Amino acid sequence: MTKWLSRWLRKFHRWIAVPTAIAIPLAVVIKLVGSPELVLTWEKLDKIPSLFMLIMALSGAYLFLLPYIVKGQRKKRLASKGEG
């Protein structure tokens, strides 16, 4: 399960990085120089960059901790083989 999850999450993290990298500067530009109609429209969609950043932070944290998780699982597996 962990291998499948880590592969899927790694791909998902990469694909979410592109819209995040586009949405955040776009939000800043629209807020600074956008027309009032565009700003009103963007206010409805304003939570999208924040959501992308949250997803990136959670998936990035998992991917950062993954080597330590696997190392702990490996130690448990080797310890149970040694006892049995």
PDB file of N, CA and C in Angstrom:
ATOM      1  N   MET A   1       0.826  -1.201   0.000  1.00  0.00           N
ATOM      2  CA  MET A   1       0.000   0.000   0.000  1.00  0.00           C
ATOM      3  C   MET A   1       0.865   1.259   0.000  1.00  0.00           C
ATOM      4  N   THR A   2       1.949   1.246   0.754  1.00  0.00           N
ATOM      5  CA  THR A   2       2.783   2.436   0.858  1.00  0.00           C
ATOM      6  C   THR A   2       3.442   2.765  -0.476  1.00  0.00           C
ATOM      7  N   LYS A   3       3.885   1.741  -1.214  1.00  0.00           N
ATOM      8  CA  LYS A   3       4.517   2.008  -2.507  1.00  0.00           C
ATOM      9  C   LYS A   3       3.525   2.637  -3.472  1.00  0.00           C
ATOM     10  N   TRP A   4       2.318   2.077  -3.512  1.00  0.00           N
ATOM     11  CA  TRP A   4       1.298   2.618  -4.409  1.00  0.00           C
ATOM     12  C   TRP A   4       0.951   4.049  -4.012  1.00  0.00           C
ATOM     13  N   LEU A   5       0.765   4.275  -2.715  1.00  0.00           N
ATOM     14  CA  LEU A   5       0.409   5.607  -2.227  1.00  0.00           C
ATOM     15  C   LEU A   5       1.519   6.611  -2.508  1.00  0.00           C
ATOM     16  N   SER A   6       2.748   6.227  -2.276  1.00  0.00           N
ATOM     17  CA  SER A   6       3.847   7.177  -2.486  1.00  0.00           C
ATOM     18  C   SER A   6       4.019   7.504  -3.968  1.00  0.00           C
ATOM     19  N   ARG A   7       3.854   6.524  -4.837  1.00  0.00           N
ATOM     20  CA  ARG A   7       3.948   6.800  -6.277  1.00  0.00           C
ATOM     21  C   ARG A   7       2.834   7.733  -6.728  1.00  0.00           C
ATOM     22  N   TRP A   8       1.612   7.419  -6.301  1.00  0.00           N
ATOM     23  CA  TRP A   8       0.465   8.225  -6.690  1.00  0.00           C
ATOM     24  C   TRP A   8       0.596   9.640  -6.143  1.00  0.00           C
ATOM     25  N   LEU A   9       1.000   9.756  -4.890  1.00  0.00           N
ATOM     26  CA  LEU A   9       1.116  11.065  -4.256  1.00  0.00           C
ATOM     27  C   LEU A   9       2.237  11.883  -4.881  1.00  0.00           C
ATOM     28  N   ARG A  10       3.322  11.229  -5.259  1.00  0.00           N
ATOM     29  CA  ARG A  10       4.428  11.942  -5.908  1.00  0.00           C
ATOM     30  C   ARG A  10       3.973  12.526  -7.247  1.00  0.00           C
ATOM     31  N   LYS A  11       3.246  11.736  -8.047  1.00  0.00           N
ATOM     32  CA  LYS A  11       2.719  12.239  -9.323  1.00  0.00           C
ATOM     33  C   LYS A  11       1.713  13.359  -9.096  1.00  0.00           C
ATOM     34  N   PHE A  12       0.823  13.159  -8.122  1.00  0.00           N
ATOM     35  CA  PHE A  12      -0.181  14.168  -7.806  1.00  0.00           C
ATOM     36  C   PHE A  12       0.483  15.470  -7.366  1.00  0.00           C
ATOM     37  N   HIS A  13       1.513  15.362  -6.542  1.00  0.00           N
ATOM     38  CA  HIS A  13       2.242  16.533  -6.047  1.00  0.00           C
ATOM     39  C   HIS A  13       2.878  17.295  -7.216  1.00  0.00           C
ATOM     40  N   ARG A  14       3.439  16.563  -8.160  1.00  0.00           N
ATOM     41  CA  ARG A  14       4.059  17.209  -9.320  1.00  0.00           C
ATOM     42  C   ARG A  14       3.023  17.925 -10.176  1.00  0.00           C
ATOM     43  N   TRP A  15       1.864  17.280 -10.386  1.00  0.00           N
ATOM     44  CA  TRP A  15       0.839  17.880 -11.230  1.00  0.00           C
ATOM     45  C   TRP A  15       0.168  19.064 -10.558  1.00  0.00           C
ATOM     46  N   ILE A  16       0.053  19.061  -9.254  1.00  0.00           N
ATOM     47  CA  ILE A  16      -0.550  20.188  -8.539  1.00  0.00           C
ATOM     48  C   ILE A  16       0.421  21.372  -8.472  1.00  0.00           C
ATOM     49  N   ALA A  17       1.710  21.107  -8.586  1.00  0.00           N
ATOM     50  CA  ALA A  17       2.702  22.187  -8.515  1.00  0.00           C
ATOM     51  C   ALA A  17       2.533  23.187  -9.656  1.00  0.00           C
ATOM     52  N   VAL A  18       2.151  22.714 -10.827  1.00  0.00           N
ATOM     53  CA  VAL A  18       2.006  23.606 -11.980  1.00  0.00           C
ATOM     54  C   VAL A  18       0.859  24.603 -11.781  1.00  0.00           C
ATOM     55  N   PRO A  19      -0.372  24.136 -11.470  1.00  0.00           N
ATOM     56  CA  PRO A  19      -1.429  25.131 -11.242  1.00  0.00           C
ATOM     57  C   PRO A  19      -1.148  26.047 -10.051  1.00  0.00           C
ATOM     58  N   THR A  20      -0.458  25.529  -9.046  1.00  0.00           N
ATOM     59  CA  THR A  20      -0.117  26.364  -7.893  1.00  0.00           C
ATOM     60  C   THR A  20       0.846  27.470  -8.313  1.00  0.00           C
ATOM     61  N   ALA A  21       1.836  27.106  -9.101  1.00  0.00           N
ATOM     62  CA  ALA A  21       2.817  28.091  -9.561  1.00  0.00           C
ATOM     63  C   ALA A  21       2.183  29.135 -10.474  1.00  0.00           C
ATOM     64  N   ILE A  22       1.091  28.792 -11.128  1.00  0.00           N
ATOM     65  CA  ILE A  22       0.389  29.757 -11.979  1.00  0.00           C
ATOM     66  C   ILE A  22      -0.602  30.583 -11.164  1.00  0.00           C
ATOM     67  N   ALA A  23      -1.332  29.945 -10.257  1.00  0.00           N
ATOM     68  CA  ALA A  23      -2.419  30.613  -9.538  1.00  0.00           C
ATOM     69  C   ALA A  23      -1.929  31.677  -8.565  1.00  0.00           C
ATOM     70  N   ILE A  24      -0.819  31.441  -7.898  1.00  0.00           N
ATOM     71  CA  ILE A  24      -0.362  32.394  -6.878  1.00  0.00           C
ATOM     72  C   ILE A  24       0.095  33.722  -7.502  1.00  0.00           C
ATOM     73  N   PRO A  25       0.977  33.716  -8.500  1.00  0.00           N
ATOM     74  CA  PRO A  25       1.324  35.009  -9.114  1.00  0.00           C
ATOM     75  C   PRO A  25       0.131  35.665  -9.815  1.00  0.00           C
ATOM     76  N   LEU A  26      -0.740  34.847 -10.394  1.00  0.00           N
ATOM     77  CA  LEU A  26      -1.935  35.383 -11.041  1.00  0.00           C
ATOM     78  C   LEU A  26      -2.813  36.118 -10.030  1.00  0.00           C
ATOM     79  N   ALA A  27      -2.967  35.551  -8.850  1.00  0.00           N
ATOM     80  CA  ALA A  27      -3.763  36.195  -7.802  1.00  0.00           C
ATOM     81  C   ALA A  27      -3.154  37.533  -7.404  1.00  0.00           C
ATOM     82  N   VAL A  28      -1.850  37.578  -7.279  1.00  0.00           N
ATOM     83  CA  VAL A  28      -1.179  38.828  -6.895  1.00  0.00           C
ATOM     84  C   VAL A  28      -1.354  39.883  -7.981  1.00  0.00           C
ATOM     85  N   VAL A  29      -1.159  39.498  -9.231  1.00  0.00           N
ATOM     86  CA  VAL A  29      -1.280  40.451 -10.340  1.00  0.00           C
ATOM     87  C   VAL A  29      -2.707  40.972 -10.447  1.00  0.00           C
ATOM     88  N   ILE A  30      -3.686  40.091 -10.337  1.00  0.00           N
ATOM     89  CA  ILE A  30      -5.084  40.521 -10.442  1.00  0.00           C
ATOM     90  C   ILE A  30      -5.435  41.485  -9.316  1.00  0.00           C
ATOM     91  N   LYS A  31      -4.975  41.196  -8.114  1.00  0.00           N
ATOM     92  CA  LYS A  31      -5.289  42.088  -6.987  1.00  0.00           C
ATOM     93  C   LYS A  31      -4.601  43.449  -7.125  1.00  0.00           C
ATOM     94  N   LEU A  32      -3.419  43.479  -7.711  1.00  0.00           N
ATOM     95  CA  LEU A  32      -2.682  44.741  -7.808  1.00  0.00           C
ATOM     96  C   LEU A  32      -3.122  45.607  -8.983  1.00  0.00           C
ATOM     97  N   VAL A  33      -3.326  45.007 -10.158  1.00  0.00           N
ATOM     98  CA  VAL A  33      -3.581  45.816 -11.355  1.00  0.00           C
ATOM     99  C   VAL A  33      -4.867  45.443 -12.086  1.00  0.00           C
ATOM    100  N   GLY A  34      -5.661  44.563 -11.532  1.00  0.00           N
ATOM    101  CA  GLY A  34      -6.858  44.108 -12.231  1.00  0.00           C
ATOM    102  C   GLY A  34      -7.969  45.138 -12.247  1.00  0.00           C
ATOM    103  N   SER A  35      -8.826  45.026 -13.248  1.00  0.00           N
ATOM    104  CA  SER A  35      -9.999  45.894 -13.316  1.00  0.00           C
ATOM    105  C   SER A  35     -10.980  45.490 -12.219  1.00  0.00           C
ATOM    106  N   PRO A  36     -11.872  46.387 -11.820  1.00  0.00           N
ATOM    107  CA  PRO A  36     -12.808  46.062 -10.731  1.00  0.00           C
ATOM    108  C   PRO A  36     -13.676  44.832 -11.013  1.00  0.00           C
ATOM    109  N   GLU A  37     -14.098  44.652 -12.270  1.00  0.00           N
ATOM    110  CA  GLU A  37     -14.910  43.476 -12.606  1.00  0.00           C
ATOM    111  C   GLU A  37     -14.102  42.195 -12.432  1.00  0.00           C
ATOM    112  N   LEU A  38     -12.857  42.245 -12.866  1.00  0.00           N
ATOM    113  CA  LEU A  38     -11.987  41.078 -12.749  1.00  0.00           C
ATOM    114  C   LEU A  38     -11.685  40.767 -11.287  1.00  0.00           C
ATOM    115  N   VAL A  39     -11.493  41.802 -10.496  1.00  0.00           N
ATOM    116  CA  VAL A  39     -11.228  41.607  -9.069  1.00  0.00           C
ATOM    117  C   VAL A  39     -12.441  40.978  -8.392  1.00  0.00           C
ATOM    118  N   LEU A  40     -13.650  41.436  -8.745  1.00  0.00           N
ATOM    119  CA  LEU A  40     -14.864  40.852  -8.174  1.00  0.00           C
ATOM    120  C   LEU A  40     -15.009  39.386  -8.564  1.00  0.00           C
ATOM    121  N   THR A  41     -14.690  39.072  -9.805  1.00  0.00           N
ATOM    122  CA  THR A  41     -14.752  37.676 -10.249  1.00  0.00           C
ATOM    123  C   THR A  41     -13.709  36.842  -9.517  1.00  0.00           C
ATOM    124  N   TRP A  42     -12.509  37.390  -9.364  1.00  0.00           N
ATOM    125  CA  TRP A  42     -11.437  36.641  -8.708  1.00  0.00           C
ATOM    126  C   TRP A  42     -11.734  36.400  -7.237  1.00  0.00           C
ATOM    127  N   GLU A  43     -12.454  37.334  -6.594  1.00  0.00           N
ATOM    128  CA  GLU A  43     -12.782  37.160  -5.177  1.00  0.00           C
ATOM    129  C   GLU A  43     -13.601  35.897  -4.944  1.00  0.00           C
ATOM    130  N   LYS A  44     -14.381  35.492  -5.941  1.00  0.00           N
ATOM    131  CA  LYS A  44     -15.150  34.249  -5.829  1.00  0.00           C
ATOM    132  C   LYS A  44     -14.225  33.032  -5.893  1.00  0.00           C
ATOM    133  N   LEU A  45     -13.121  33.174  -6.611  1.00  0.00           N
ATOM    134  CA  LEU A  45     -12.176  32.063  -6.802  1.00  0.00           C
ATOM    135  C   LEU A  45     -10.919  32.222  -5.947  1.00  0.00           C
ATOM    136  N   ASP A  46     -10.950  33.136  -5.011  1.00  0.00           N
ATOM    137  CA  ASP A  46      -9.754  33.505  -4.248  1.00  0.00           C
ATOM    138  C   ASP A  46      -9.219  32.379  -3.367  1.00  0.00           C
ATOM    139  N   LYS A  47     -10.033  31.429  -3.025  1.00  0.00           N
ATOM    140  CA  LYS A  47      -9.600  30.353  -2.134  1.00  0.00           C
ATOM    141  C   LYS A  47      -8.822  29.261  -2.876  1.00  0.00           C
ATOM    142  N   ILE A  48      -8.825  29.288  -4.186  1.00  0.00           N
ATOM    143  CA  ILE A  48      -8.150  28.242  -4.966  1.00  0.00           C
ATOM    144  C   ILE A  48      -6.638  28.211  -4.709  1.00  0.00           C
ATOM    145  N   PRO A  49      -5.912  29.339  -4.788  1.00  0.00           N
ATOM    146  CA  PRO A  49      -4.470  29.259  -4.489  1.00  0.00           C
ATOM    147  C   PRO A  49      -4.180  28.762  -3.077  1.00  0.00           C
ATOM    148  N   SER A  50      -5.017  29.162  -2.122  1.00  0.00           N
ATOM    149  CA  SER A  50      -4.809  28.699  -0.745  1.00  0.00           C
ATOM    150  C   SER A  50      -5.017  27.193  -0.638  1.00  0.00           C
ATOM    151  N   LEU A  51      -6.017  26.691  -1.335  1.00  0.00           N
ATOM    152  CA  LEU A  51      -6.277  25.253  -1.337  1.00  0.00           C
ATOM    153  C   LEU A  51      -5.120  24.496  -1.982  1.00  0.00           C
ATOM    154  N   PHE A  52      -4.618  25.009  -3.102  1.00  0.00           N
ATOM    155  CA  PHE A  52      -3.467  24.380  -3.751  1.00  0.00           C
ATOM    156  C   PHE A  52      -2.257  24.368  -2.817  1.00  0.00           C
ATOM    157  N   MET A  53      -2.031  25.476  -2.112  1.00  0.00           N
ATOM    158  CA  MET A  53      -0.888  25.536  -1.193  1.00  0.00           C
ATOM    159  C   MET A  53      -1.044  24.544  -0.049  1.00  0.00           C
ATOM    160  N   LEU A  54      -2.262  24.383   0.453  1.00  0.00           N
ATOM    161  CA  LEU A  54      -2.509  23.417   1.522  1.00  0.00           C
ATOM    162  C   LEU A  54      -2.249  21.993   1.034  1.00  0.00           C
ATOM    163  N   ILE A  55      -2.742  21.669  -0.154  1.00  0.00           N
ATOM    164  CA  ILE A  55      -2.519  20.336  -0.725  1.00  0.00           C
ATOM    165  C   ILE A  55      -1.026  20.094  -0.930  1.00  0.00           C
ATOM    166  N   MET A  56      -0.322  21.107  -1.446  1.00  0.00           N
ATOM    167  CA  MET A  56       1.117  20.965  -1.660  1.00  0.00           C
ATOM    168  C   MET A  56       1.855  20.769  -0.337  1.00  0.00           C
ATOM    169  N   ALA A  57       1.440  21.480   0.696  1.00  0.00           N
ATOM    170  CA  ALA A  57       2.104  21.355   1.998  1.00  0.00           C
ATOM    171  C   ALA A  57       1.888  19.968   2.590  1.00  0.00           C
ATOM    172  N   LEU A  58       0.664  19.463   2.520  1.00  0.00           N
ATOM    173  CA  LEU A  58       0.378  18.143   3.088  1.00  0.00           C
ATOM    174  C   LEU A  58       1.079  17.028   2.320  1.00  0.00           C
ATOM    175  N   SER A  59       0.983  17.070   0.986  1.00  0.00           N
ATOM    176  CA  SER A  59       1.639  16.021   0.205  1.00  0.00           C
ATOM    177  C   SER A  59       3.158  16.144   0.303  1.00  0.00           C
ATOM    178  N   GLY A  60       3.671  17.361   0.359  1.00  0.00           N
ATOM    179  CA  GLY A  60       5.110  17.560   0.514  1.00  0.00           C
ATOM    180  C   GLY A  60       5.622  17.063   1.852  1.00  0.00           C
ATOM    181  N   ALA A  61       4.839  17.275   2.897  1.00  0.00           N
ATOM    182  CA  ALA A  61       5.236  16.777   4.221  1.00  0.00           C
ATOM    183  C   ALA A  61       5.295  15.256   4.224  1.00  0.00           C
ATOM    184  N   TYR A  62       4.306  14.615   3.606  1.00  0.00           N
ATOM    185  CA  TYR A  62       4.316  13.153   3.529  1.00  0.00           C
ATOM    186  C   TYR A  62       5.523  12.670   2.734  1.00  0.00           C
ATOM    187  N   LEU A  63       5.787  13.293   1.597  1.00  0.00           N
ATOM    188  CA  LEU A  63       6.924  12.876   0.781  1.00  0.00           C
ATOM    189  C   LEU A  63       8.253  13.129   1.497  1.00  0.00           C
ATOM    190  N   PHE A  64       8.321  14.180   2.304  1.00  0.00           N
ATOM    191  CA  PHE A  64       9.531  14.451   3.078  1.00  0.00           C
ATOM    192  C   PHE A  64       9.734  13.390   4.155  1.00  0.00           C
ATOM    193  N   LEU A  65       8.652  12.971   4.803  1.00  0.00           N
ATOM    194  CA  LEU A  65       8.744  11.996   5.896  1.00  0.00           C
ATOM    195  C   LEU A  65       8.789  10.549   5.410  1.00  0.00           C
ATOM    196  N   LEU A  66       8.498  10.315   4.148  1.00  0.00           N
ATOM    197  CA  LEU A  66       8.421   8.955   3.615  1.00  0.00           C
ATOM    198  C   LEU A  66       9.679   8.123   3.854  1.00  0.00           C
ATOM    199  N   PRO A  67      10.896   8.629   3.628  1.00  0.00           N
ATOM    200  CA  PRO A  67      12.077   7.796   3.899  1.00  0.00           C
ATOM    201  C   PRO A  67      12.167   7.349   5.356  1.00  0.00           C
ATOM    202  N   TYR A  68      11.769   8.211   6.277  1.00  0.00           N
ATOM    203  CA  TYR A  68      11.810   7.852   7.696  1.00  0.00           C
ATOM    204  C   TYR A  68      10.741   6.812   8.026  1.00  0.00           C
ATOM    205  N   ILE A  69       9.580   6.921   7.402  1.00  0.00           N
ATOM    206  CA  ILE A  69       8.506   5.940   7.606  1.00  0.00           C
ATOM    207  C   ILE A  69       8.950   4.572   7.107  1.00  0.00           C
ATOM    208  N   VAL A  70       9.526   4.538   5.917  1.00  0.00           N
ATOM    209  CA  VAL A  70       9.983   3.272   5.332  1.00  0.00           C
ATOM    210  C   VAL A  70      11.101   2.669   6.177  1.00  0.00           C
ATOM    211  N   LYS A  71      11.993   3.507   6.666  1.00  0.00           N
ATOM    212  CA  LYS A  71      13.094   3.023   7.505  1.00  0.00           C
ATOM    213  C   LYS A  71      12.556   2.375   8.782  1.00  0.00           C
ATOM    214  N   GLY A  72      11.553   2.983   9.397  1.00  0.00           N
ATOM    215  CA  GLY A  72      10.939   2.409  10.595  1.00  0.00           C
ATOM    216  C   GLY A  72      10.241   1.095  10.305  1.00  0.00           C
ATOM    217  N   GLN A  73       9.548   1.024   9.163  1.00  0.00           N
ATOM    218  CA  GLN A  73       8.881  -0.224   8.790  1.00  0.00           C
ATOM    219  C   GLN A  73       9.905  -1.327   8.540  1.00  0.00           C
ATOM    220  N   ARG A  74      11.015  -0.972   7.904  1.00  0.00           N
ATOM    221  CA  ARG A  74      12.064  -1.954   7.622  1.00  0.00           C
ATOM    222  C   ARG A  74      12.658  -2.493   8.919  1.00  0.00           C
ATOM    223  N   LYS A  75      12.892  -1.619   9.892  1.00  0.00           N
ATOM    224  CA  LYS A  75      13.443  -2.056  11.180  1.00  0.00           C
ATOM    225  C   LYS A  75      12.481  -3.001  11.889  1.00  0.00           C
ATOM    226  N   LYS A  76      11.187  -2.697  11.851  1.00  0.00           N
ATOM    227  CA  LYS A  76      10.190  -3.574  12.474  1.00  0.00           C
ATOM    228  C   LYS A  76      10.172  -4.937  11.797  1.00  0.00           C
ATOM    229  N   ARG A  77      10.242  -4.932  10.466  1.00  0.00           N
ATOM    230  CA  ARG A  77      10.207  -6.182   9.715  1.00  0.00           C
ATOM    231  C   ARG A  77      11.439  -7.030  10.026  1.00  0.00           C
ATOM    232  N   LEU A  78      12.612  -6.408  10.080  1.00  0.00           N
ATOM    233  CA  LEU A  78      13.835  -7.152  10.383  1.00  0.00           C
ATOM    234  C   LEU A  78      13.831  -7.661  11.818  1.00  0.00           C
ATOM    235  N   ALA A  79      13.279  -6.881  12.737  1.00  0.00           N
ATOM    236  CA  ALA A  79      13.209  -7.310  14.135  1.00  0.00           C
ATOM    237  C   ALA A  79      12.267  -8.499  14.293  1.00  0.00           C
ATOM    238  N   SER A  80      11.164  -8.495  13.562  1.00  0.00           N
ATOM    239  CA  SER A  80      10.224  -9.619  13.665  1.00  0.00           C
ATOM    240  C   SER A  80      10.801 -10.875  13.014  1.00  0.00           C
ATOM    241  N   LYS A  81      11.627 -10.732  11.981  1.00  0.00           N
ATOM    242  CA  LYS A  81      12.278 -11.896  11.366  1.00  0.00           C
ATOM    243  C   LYS A  81      13.310 -12.493  12.314  1.00  0.00           C
ATOM    244  N   GLY A  82      14.007 -11.641  13.027  1.00  0.00           N
ATOM    245  CA  GLY A  82      15.031 -12.100  13.963  1.00  0.00           C
ATOM    246  C   GLY A  82      14.441 -12.841  15.148  1.00  0.00           C
ATOM    247  N   GLU A  83      13.245 -12.460  15.573  1.00  0.00           N
ATOM    248  CA  GLU A  83      12.594 -13.113  16.714  1.00  0.00           C
ATOM    249  C   GLU A  83      11.958 -14.437  16.316  1.00  0.00           C
ATOM    250  N   GLY A  84      11.443 -14.484  15.089  1.00  0.00           N
ATOM    251  CA  GLY A  84      10.646 -15.645  14.677  1.00  0.00           C
ATOM    252  C   GLY A  84      11.370 -16.745  14.070  1.00  0.00           C
TER     253      GLY A  84
END
